[in-house]
Amino acid sequence: MLTDHDHAIIRFEQEYGQLPRWEKVSAMRRELGLSQTMYAARLGRIIHDPGALPVAPQLIYRLRRIEAQRMEEREARLLRRDE
């Protein structure tokens, strides 16, 4: 079940998600009172919460794709390093 703060994070990501990183970090501190690390942790939890999908399906699917792509890239880097 999503909290009011979770809903605020979803709205924030919909509105500010495409900003340059420095602008987004500044806005997340101002609007949500969260550091970049705390925001990323909460957003990561939210995108895997089944209750988030009906709230913002396009956003949730996009963020899940981005997360999967980053994990694949990270795994590929680790495999190359181990060779």
PDB file of N, CA and C in Angstrom:
ATOM      1  N   MET A   1       0.837  -1.182   0.000  1.00  0.00           N
ATOM      2  CA  MET A   1       0.000   0.000   0.000  1.00  0.00           C
ATOM      3  C   MET A   1       0.881   1.244   0.000  1.00  0.00           C
ATOM      4  N   LEU A   2       0.591   2.147  -0.905  1.00  0.00           N
ATOM      5  CA  LEU A   2       1.385   3.362  -1.033  1.00  0.00           C
ATOM      6  C   LEU A   2       0.952   4.411  -0.006  1.00  0.00           C
ATOM      7  N   THR A   3       1.936   5.099   0.533  1.00  0.00           N
ATOM      8  CA  THR A   3       1.667   6.191   1.473  1.00  0.00           C
ATOM      9  C   THR A   3       1.451   7.488   0.700  1.00  0.00           C
ATOM     10  N   ASP A   4       1.033   8.517   1.405  1.00  0.00           N
ATOM     11  CA  ASP A   4       0.896   9.830   0.781  1.00  0.00           C
ATOM     12  C   ASP A   4       2.249  10.316   0.255  1.00  0.00           C
ATOM     13  N   HIS A   5       3.315  10.005   1.005  1.00  0.00           N
ATOM     14  CA  HIS A   5       4.653  10.417   0.573  1.00  0.00           C
ATOM     15  C   HIS A   5       5.064   9.669  -0.694  1.00  0.00           C
ATOM     16  N   ASP A   6       4.675   8.410  -0.795  1.00  0.00           N
ATOM     17  CA  ASP A   6       4.948   7.637  -2.007  1.00  0.00           C
ATOM     18  C   ASP A   6       4.238   8.267  -3.205  1.00  0.00           C
ATOM     19  N   HIS A   7       3.004   8.666  -3.011  1.00  0.00           N
ATOM     20  CA  HIS A   7       2.259   9.338  -4.082  1.00  0.00           C
ATOM     21  C   HIS A   7       2.939  10.653  -4.470  1.00  0.00           C
ATOM     22  N   ALA A   8       3.459  11.366  -3.472  1.00  0.00           N
ATOM     23  CA  ALA A   8       4.168  12.621  -3.753  1.00  0.00           C
ATOM     24  C   ALA A   8       5.425  12.348  -4.581  1.00  0.00           C
ATOM     25  N   ILE A   9       6.111  11.257  -4.299  1.00  0.00           N
ATOM     26  CA  ILE A   9       7.310  10.892  -5.059  1.00  0.00           C
ATOM     27  C   ILE A   9       6.933  10.544  -6.498  1.00  0.00           C
ATOM     28  N   ILE A  10       5.836   9.827  -6.684  1.00  0.00           N
ATOM     29  CA  ILE A  10       5.379   9.501  -8.038  1.00  0.00           C
ATOM     30  C   ILE A  10       5.045  10.782  -8.804  1.00  0.00           C
ATOM     31  N   ARG A  11       4.314  11.694  -8.168  1.00  0.00           N
ATOM     32  CA  ARG A  11       3.985  12.973  -8.827  1.00  0.00           C
ATOM     33  C   ARG A  11       5.253  13.761  -9.149  1.00  0.00           C
ATOM     34  N   PHE A  12       6.194  13.759  -8.214  1.00  0.00           N
ATOM     35  CA  PHE A  12       7.464  14.457  -8.430  1.00  0.00           C
ATOM     36  C   PHE A  12       8.183  13.873  -9.639  1.00  0.00           C
ATOM     37  N   GLU A  13       8.270  12.559  -9.711  1.00  0.00           N
ATOM     38  CA  GLU A  13       8.971  11.906 -10.816  1.00  0.00           C
ATOM     39  C   GLU A  13       8.278  12.189 -12.143  1.00  0.00           C
ATOM     40  N   GLN A  14       6.964  12.243 -12.143  1.00  0.00           N
ATOM     41  CA  GLN A  14       6.233  12.574 -13.367  1.00  0.00           C
ATOM     42  C   GLN A  14       6.546  13.999 -13.814  1.00  0.00           C
ATOM     43  N   GLU A  15       6.662  14.903 -12.859  1.00  0.00           N
ATOM     44  CA  GLU A  15       6.882  16.310 -13.187  1.00  0.00           C
ATOM     45  C   GLU A  15       8.345  16.657 -13.433  1.00  0.00           C
ATOM     46  N   TYR A  16       9.235  16.114 -12.614  1.00  0.00           N
ATOM     47  CA  TYR A  16      10.642  16.515 -12.650  1.00  0.00           C
ATOM     48  C   TYR A  16      11.582  15.437 -13.194  1.00  0.00           C
ATOM     49  N   GLY A  17      11.056  14.290 -13.562  1.00  0.00           N
ATOM     50  CA  GLY A  17      11.892  13.150 -13.931  1.00  0.00           C
ATOM     51  C   GLY A  17      12.873  13.392 -15.059  1.00  0.00           C
ATOM     52  N   GLN A  18      12.555  14.272 -15.981  1.00  0.00           N
ATOM     53  CA  GLN A  18      13.413  14.482 -17.148  1.00  0.00           C
ATOM     54  C   GLN A  18      14.347  15.688 -17.013  1.00  0.00           C
ATOM     55  N   LEU A  19      14.356  16.308 -15.853  1.00  0.00           N
ATOM     56  CA  LEU A  19      15.253  17.449 -15.639  1.00  0.00           C
ATOM     57  C   LEU A  19      16.716  17.001 -15.585  1.00  0.00           C
ATOM     58  N   PRO A  20      17.637  17.914 -15.851  1.00  0.00           N
ATOM     59  CA  PRO A  20      19.053  17.587 -15.615  1.00  0.00           C
ATOM     60  C   PRO A  20      19.240  17.207 -14.136  1.00  0.00           C
ATOM     61  N   ARG A  21      20.192  16.341 -13.877  1.00  0.00           N
ATOM     62  CA  ARG A  21      20.375  15.779 -12.532  1.00  0.00           C
ATOM     63  C   ARG A  21      20.488  16.851 -11.443  1.00  0.00           C
ATOM     64  N   TRP A  22      21.296  17.897 -11.679  1.00  0.00           N
ATOM     65  CA  TRP A  22      21.496  18.893 -10.623  1.00  0.00           C
ATOM     66  C   TRP A  22      20.201  19.629 -10.309  1.00  0.00           C
ATOM     67  N   GLU A  23      19.374  19.880 -11.298  1.00  0.00           N
ATOM     68  CA  GLU A  23      18.092  20.539 -11.054  1.00  0.00           C
ATOM     69  C   GLU A  23      17.148  19.618 -10.296  1.00  0.00           C
ATOM     70  N   LYS A  24      17.144  18.361 -10.674  1.00  0.00           N
ATOM     71  CA  LYS A  24      16.260  17.393 -10.037  1.00  0.00           C
ATOM     72  C   LYS A  24      16.649  17.196  -8.576  1.00  0.00           C
ATOM     73  N   VAL A  25      17.934  17.089  -8.290  1.00  0.00           N
ATOM     74  CA  VAL A  25      18.398  16.903  -6.914  1.00  0.00           C
ATOM     75  C   VAL A  25      18.006  18.100  -6.062  1.00  0.00           C
ATOM     76  N   SER A  26      18.169  19.286  -6.599  1.00  0.00           N
ATOM     77  CA  SER A  26      17.777  20.493  -5.883  1.00  0.00           C
ATOM     78  C   SER A  26      16.274  20.503  -5.611  1.00  0.00           C
ATOM     79  N   ALA A  27      15.495  20.129  -6.616  1.00  0.00           N
ATOM     80  CA  ALA A  27      14.040  20.106  -6.470  1.00  0.00           C
ATOM     81  C   ALA A  27      13.599  19.023  -5.483  1.00  0.00           C
ATOM     82  N   MET A  28      14.261  17.869  -5.466  1.00  0.00           N
ATOM     83  CA  MET A  28      13.841  16.810  -4.545  1.00  0.00           C
ATOM     84  C   MET A  28      14.115  17.203  -3.102  1.00  0.00           C
ATOM     85  N   ARG A  29      15.186  17.937  -2.883  1.00  0.00           N
ATOM     86  CA  ARG A  29      15.449  18.436  -1.518  1.00  0.00           C
ATOM     87  C   ARG A  29      14.399  19.473  -1.126  1.00  0.00           C
ATOM     88  N   ARG A  30      14.104  20.366  -2.031  1.00  0.00           N
ATOM     89  CA  ARG A  30      13.152  21.449  -1.775  1.00  0.00           C
ATOM     90  C   ARG A  30      11.722  20.926  -1.644  1.00  0.00           C
ATOM     91  N   GLU A  31      11.297  20.091  -2.583  1.00  0.00           N
ATOM     92  CA  GLU A  31       9.900  19.654  -2.643  1.00  0.00           C
ATOM     93  C   GLU A  31       9.588  18.496  -1.681  1.00  0.00           C
ATOM     94  N   LEU A  32      10.540  17.564  -1.541  1.00  0.00           N
ATOM     95  CA  LEU A  32      10.266  16.342  -0.781  1.00  0.00           C
ATOM     96  C   LEU A  32      11.085  16.223   0.504  1.00  0.00           C
ATOM     97  N   GLY A  33      12.125  17.039   0.625  1.00  0.00           N
ATOM     98  CA  GLY A  33      12.977  16.954   1.802  1.00  0.00           C
ATOM     99  C   GLY A  33      13.824  15.691   1.834  1.00  0.00           C
ATOM    100  N   LEU A  34      14.165  15.174   0.641  1.00  0.00           N
ATOM    101  CA  LEU A  34      14.943  13.941   0.559  1.00  0.00           C
ATOM    102  C   LEU A  34      16.276  14.176  -0.134  1.00  0.00           C
ATOM    103  N   SER A  35      17.296  13.455   0.334  1.00  0.00           N
ATOM    104  CA  SER A  35      18.568  13.448  -0.377  1.00  0.00           C
ATOM    105  C   SER A  35      18.408  12.579  -1.623  1.00  0.00           C
ATOM    106  N   GLN A  36      19.362  12.669  -2.511  1.00  0.00           N
ATOM    107  CA  GLN A  36      19.315  11.861  -3.734  1.00  0.00           C
ATOM    108  C   GLN A  36      19.324  10.367  -3.395  1.00  0.00           C
ATOM    109  N   THR A  37      20.102   9.971  -2.411  1.00  0.00           N
ATOM    110  CA  THR A  37      20.190   8.569  -2.015  1.00  0.00           C
ATOM    111  C   THR A  37      18.871   8.065  -1.450  1.00  0.00           C
ATOM    112  N   MET A  38      18.265   8.845  -0.564  1.00  0.00           N
ATOM    113  CA  MET A  38      16.986   8.442   0.029  1.00  0.00           C
ATOM    114  C   MET A  38      15.884   8.412  -1.025  1.00  0.00           C
ATOM    115  N   TYR A  39      15.917   9.368  -1.924  1.00  0.00           N
ATOM    116  CA  TYR A  39      14.920   9.413  -3.000  1.00  0.00           C
ATOM    117  C   TYR A  39      15.038   8.169  -3.884  1.00  0.00           C
ATOM    118  N   ALA A  40      16.254   7.832  -4.266  1.00  0.00           N
ATOM    119  CA  ALA A  40      16.466   6.665  -5.133  1.00  0.00           C
ATOM    120  C   ALA A  40      16.015   5.383  -4.439  1.00  0.00           C
ATOM    121  N   ALA A  41      16.293   5.263  -3.148  1.00  0.00           N
ATOM    122  CA  ALA A  41      15.888   4.072  -2.405  1.00  0.00           C
ATOM    123  C   ALA A  41      14.363   3.969  -2.340  1.00  0.00           C
ATOM    124  N   ARG A  42      13.701   5.075  -2.035  1.00  0.00           N
ATOM    125  CA  ARG A  42      12.231   5.060  -1.952  1.00  0.00           C
ATOM    126  C   ARG A  42      11.614   4.801  -3.321  1.00  0.00           C
ATOM    127  N   LEU A  43      12.151   5.436  -4.358  1.00  0.00           N
ATOM    128  CA  LEU A  43      11.615   5.239  -5.701  1.00  0.00           C
ATOM    129  C   LEU A  43      11.801   3.787  -6.137  1.00  0.00           C
ATOM    130  N   GLY A  44      12.946   3.202  -5.819  1.00  0.00           N
ATOM    131  CA  GLY A  44      13.186   1.802  -6.149  1.00  0.00           C
ATOM    132  C   GLY A  44      12.183   0.881  -5.488  1.00  0.00           C
ATOM    133  N   ARG A  45      11.823   1.180  -4.242  1.00  0.00           N
ATOM    134  CA  ARG A  45      10.816   0.382  -3.550  1.00  0.00           C
ATOM    135  C   ARG A  45       9.444   0.597  -4.172  1.00  0.00           C
ATOM    136  N   ILE A  46       9.130   1.844  -4.488  1.00  0.00           N
ATOM    137  CA  ILE A  46       7.818   2.178  -5.053  1.00  0.00           C
ATOM    138  C   ILE A  46       7.587   1.477  -6.388  1.00  0.00           C
ATOM    139  N   ILE A  47       8.577   1.454  -7.267  1.00  0.00           N
ATOM    140  CA  ILE A  47       8.338   0.894  -8.601  1.00  0.00           C
ATOM    141  C   ILE A  47       8.098  -0.609  -8.569  1.00  0.00           C
ATOM    142  N   HIS A  48       8.415  -1.248  -7.446  1.00  0.00           N
ATOM    143  CA  HIS A  48       8.149  -2.684  -7.311  1.00  0.00           C
ATOM    144  C   HIS A  48       6.936  -2.968  -6.436  1.00  0.00           C
ATOM    145  N   ASP A  49       6.279  -1.927  -5.987  1.00  0.00           N
ATOM    146  CA  ASP A  49       5.059  -2.073  -5.201  1.00  0.00           C
ATOM    147  C   ASP A  49       3.890  -2.259  -6.165  1.00  0.00           C
ATOM    148  N   PRO A  50       3.132  -3.344  -6.041  1.00  0.00           N
ATOM    149  CA  PRO A  50       2.015  -3.570  -6.967  1.00  0.00           C
ATOM    150  C   PRO A  50       0.986  -2.437  -6.964  1.00  0.00           C
ATOM    151  N   GLY A  51       0.883  -1.710  -5.884  1.00  0.00           N
ATOM    152  CA  GLY A  51      -0.070  -0.610  -5.800  1.00  0.00           C
ATOM    153  C   GLY A  51       0.320   0.598  -6.642  1.00  0.00           C
ATOM    154  N   ALA A  52       1.564   0.669  -7.072  1.00  0.00           N
ATOM    155  CA  ALA A  52       2.023   1.810  -7.856  1.00  0.00           C
ATOM    156  C   ALA A  52       1.608   1.714  -9.317  1.00  0.00           C
ATOM    157  N   LEU A  53       1.473   0.516  -9.816  1.00  0.00           N
ATOM    158  CA  LEU A  53       1.172   0.325 -11.233  1.00  0.00           C
ATOM    159  C   LEU A  53      -0.141   0.983 -11.667  1.00  0.00           C
ATOM    160  N   PRO A  54      -1.233   0.827 -10.926  1.00  0.00           N
ATOM    161  CA  PRO A  54      -2.466   1.492 -11.340  1.00  0.00           C
ATOM    162  C   PRO A  54      -2.402   3.022 -11.235  1.00  0.00           C
ATOM    163  N   VAL A  55      -1.531   3.528 -10.380  1.00  0.00           N
ATOM    164  CA  VAL A  55      -1.421   4.973 -10.175  1.00  0.00           C
ATOM    165  C   VAL A  55      -0.757   5.654 -11.367  1.00  0.00           C
ATOM    166  N   ALA A  56       0.319   5.056 -11.871  1.00  0.00           N
ATOM    167  CA  ALA A  56       1.086   5.675 -12.965  1.00  0.00           C
ATOM    168  C   ALA A  56       1.742   4.573 -13.802  1.00  0.00           C
ATOM    169  N   PRO A  57       0.959   3.835 -14.585  1.00  0.00           N
ATOM    170  CA  PRO A  57       1.518   2.677 -15.297  1.00  0.00           C
ATOM    171  C   PRO A  57       2.656   3.012 -16.255  1.00  0.00           C
ATOM    172  N   GLN A  58       2.526   4.070 -17.038  1.00  0.00           N
ATOM    173  CA  GLN A  58       3.590   4.404 -17.995  1.00  0.00           C
ATOM    174  C   GLN A  58       4.885   4.728 -17.277  1.00  0.00           C
ATOM    175  N   LEU A  59       4.799   5.513 -16.224  1.00  0.00           N
ATOM    176  CA  LEU A  59       5.984   5.880 -15.456  1.00  0.00           C
ATOM    177  C   LEU A  59       6.620   4.653 -14.822  1.00  0.00           C
ATOM    178  N   ILE A  60       5.817   3.819 -14.196  1.00  0.00           N
ATOM    179  CA  ILE A  60       6.345   2.635 -13.512  1.00  0.00           C
ATOM    180  C   ILE A  60       7.014   1.689 -14.504  1.00  0.00           C
ATOM    181  N   TYR A  61       6.375   1.435 -15.639  1.00  0.00           N
ATOM    182  CA  TYR A  61       6.987   0.565 -16.653  1.00  0.00           C
ATOM    183  C   TYR A  61       8.299   1.166 -17.174  1.00  0.00           C
ATOM    184  N   ARG A  62       8.312   2.474 -17.411  1.00  0.00           N
ATOM    185  CA  ARG A  62       9.536   3.126 -17.904  1.00  0.00           C
ATOM    186  C   ARG A  62      10.659   3.002 -16.881  1.00  0.00           C
ATOM    187  N   LEU A  63      10.351   3.256 -15.617  1.00  0.00           N
ATOM    188  CA  LEU A  63      11.379   3.183 -14.580  1.00  0.00           C
ATOM    189  C   LEU A  63      11.873   1.753 -14.377  1.00  0.00           C
ATOM    190  N   ARG A  64      10.990   0.781 -14.509  1.00  0.00           N
ATOM    191  CA  ARG A  64      11.414  -0.618 -14.414  1.00  0.00           C
ATOM    192  C   ARG A  64      12.333  -0.995 -15.567  1.00  0.00           C
ATOM    193  N   ARG A  65      12.016  -0.501 -16.780  1.00  0.00           N
ATOM    194  CA  ARG A  65      12.894  -0.777 -17.936  1.00  0.00           C
ATOM    195  C   ARG A  65      14.265  -0.157 -17.725  1.00  0.00           C
ATOM    196  N   ILE A  66      14.299   1.076 -17.240  1.00  0.00           N
ATOM    197  CA  ILE A  66      15.577   1.755 -16.987  1.00  0.00           C
ATOM    198  C   ILE A  66      16.372   0.982 -15.944  1.00  0.00           C
ATOM    199  N   GLU A  67      15.714   0.566 -14.877  1.00  0.00           N
ATOM    200  CA  GLU A  67      16.391  -0.195 -13.830  1.00  0.00           C
ATOM    201  C   GLU A  67      16.956  -1.505 -14.379  1.00  0.00           C
ATOM    202  N   ALA A  68      16.169  -2.220 -15.184  1.00  0.00           N
ATOM    203  CA  ALA A  68      16.629  -3.499 -15.759  1.00  0.00           C
ATOM    204  C   ALA A  68      17.828  -3.277 -16.680  1.00  0.00           C
ATOM    205  N   GLN A  69      17.769  -2.216 -17.478  1.00  0.00           N
ATOM    206  CA  GLN A  69      18.875  -1.913 -18.383  1.00  0.00           C
ATOM    207  C   GLN A  69      20.143  -1.602 -17.595  1.00  0.00           C
ATOM    208  N   ARG A  70      20.028  -0.828 -16.540  1.00  0.00           N
ATOM    209  CA  ARG A  70      21.202  -0.497 -15.722  1.00  0.00           C
ATOM    210  C   ARG A  70      21.770  -1.733 -15.041  1.00  0.00           C
ATOM    211  N   MET A  71      20.900  -2.624 -14.597  1.00  0.00           N
ATOM    212  CA  MET A  71      21.382  -3.861 -13.974  1.00  0.00           C
ATOM    213  C   MET A  71      22.123  -4.733 -14.974  1.00  0.00           C
ATOM    214  N   GLU A  72      21.606  -4.814 -16.207  1.00  0.00           N
ATOM    215  CA  GLU A  72      22.298  -5.580 -17.247  1.00  0.00           C
ATOM    216  C   GLU A  72      23.661  -4.980 -17.548  1.00  0.00           C
ATOM    217  N   GLU A  73      23.730  -3.658 -17.643  1.00  0.00           N
ATOM    218  CA  GLU A  73      25.010  -2.997 -17.910  1.00  0.00           C
ATOM    219  C   GLU A  73      25.991  -3.240 -16.775  1.00  0.00           C
ATOM    220  N   ARG A  74      25.508  -3.177 -15.539  1.00  0.00           N
ATOM    221  CA  ARG A  74      26.355  -3.407 -14.372  1.00  0.00           C
ATOM    222  C   ARG A  74      26.883  -4.842 -14.372  1.00  0.00           C
ATOM    223  N   GLU A  75      26.017  -5.804 -14.671  1.00  0.00           N
ATOM    224  CA  GLU A  75      26.438  -7.205 -14.721  1.00  0.00           C
ATOM    225  C   GLU A  75      27.460  -7.436 -15.827  1.00  0.00           C
ATOM    226  N   ALA A  76      27.264  -6.800 -16.978  1.00  0.00           N
ATOM    227  CA  ALA A  76      28.215  -6.946 -18.087  1.00  0.00           C
ATOM    228  C   ALA A  76      29.583  -6.395 -17.693  1.00  0.00           C
ATOM    229  N   ARG A  77      29.591  -5.246 -16.990  1.00  0.00           N
ATOM    230  CA  ARG A  77      30.865  -4.671 -16.534  1.00  0.00           C
ATOM    231  C   ARG A  77      31.560  -5.608 -15.555  1.00  0.00           C
ATOM    232  N   LEU A  78      30.783  -6.199 -14.644  1.00  0.00           N
ATOM    233  CA  LEU A  78      31.377  -7.115 -13.679  1.00  0.00           C
ATOM    234  C   LEU A  78      31.932  -8.359 -14.342  1.00  0.00           C
ATOM    235  N   LEU A  79      31.225  -8.885 -15.338  1.00  0.00           N
ATOM    236  CA  LEU A  79      31.718 -10.056 -16.056  1.00  0.00           C
ATOM    237  C   LEU A  79      32.997  -9.741 -16.814  1.00  0.00           C
ATOM    238  N   ARG A  80      33.064  -8.573 -17.450  1.00  0.00           N
ATOM    239  CA  ARG A  80      34.287  -8.190 -18.174  1.00  0.00           C
ATOM    240  C   ARG A  80      35.451  -8.038 -17.195  1.00  0.00           C
ATOM    241  N   ARG A  81      35.167  -7.508 -16.015  1.00  0.00           N
ATOM    242  CA  ARG A  81      36.220  -7.301 -15.031  1.00  0.00           C
ATOM    243  C   ARG A  81      36.754  -8.629 -14.501  1.00  0.00           C
ATOM    244  N   ASP A  82      35.886  -9.620 -14.406  1.00  0.00           N
ATOM    245  CA  ASP A  82      36.290 -10.937 -13.889  1.00  0.00           C
ATOM    246  C   ASP A  82      37.061 -11.760 -14.904  1.00  0.00           C
ATOM    247  N   GLU A  83      37.032 -11.398 -16.160  1.00  0.00           N
ATOM    248  CA  GLU A  83      37.715 -12.183 -17.193  1.00  0.00           C
ATOM    249  C   GLU A  83      39.212 -12.019 -17.122  1.00  0.00           C
TER     250      GLU A  83
END
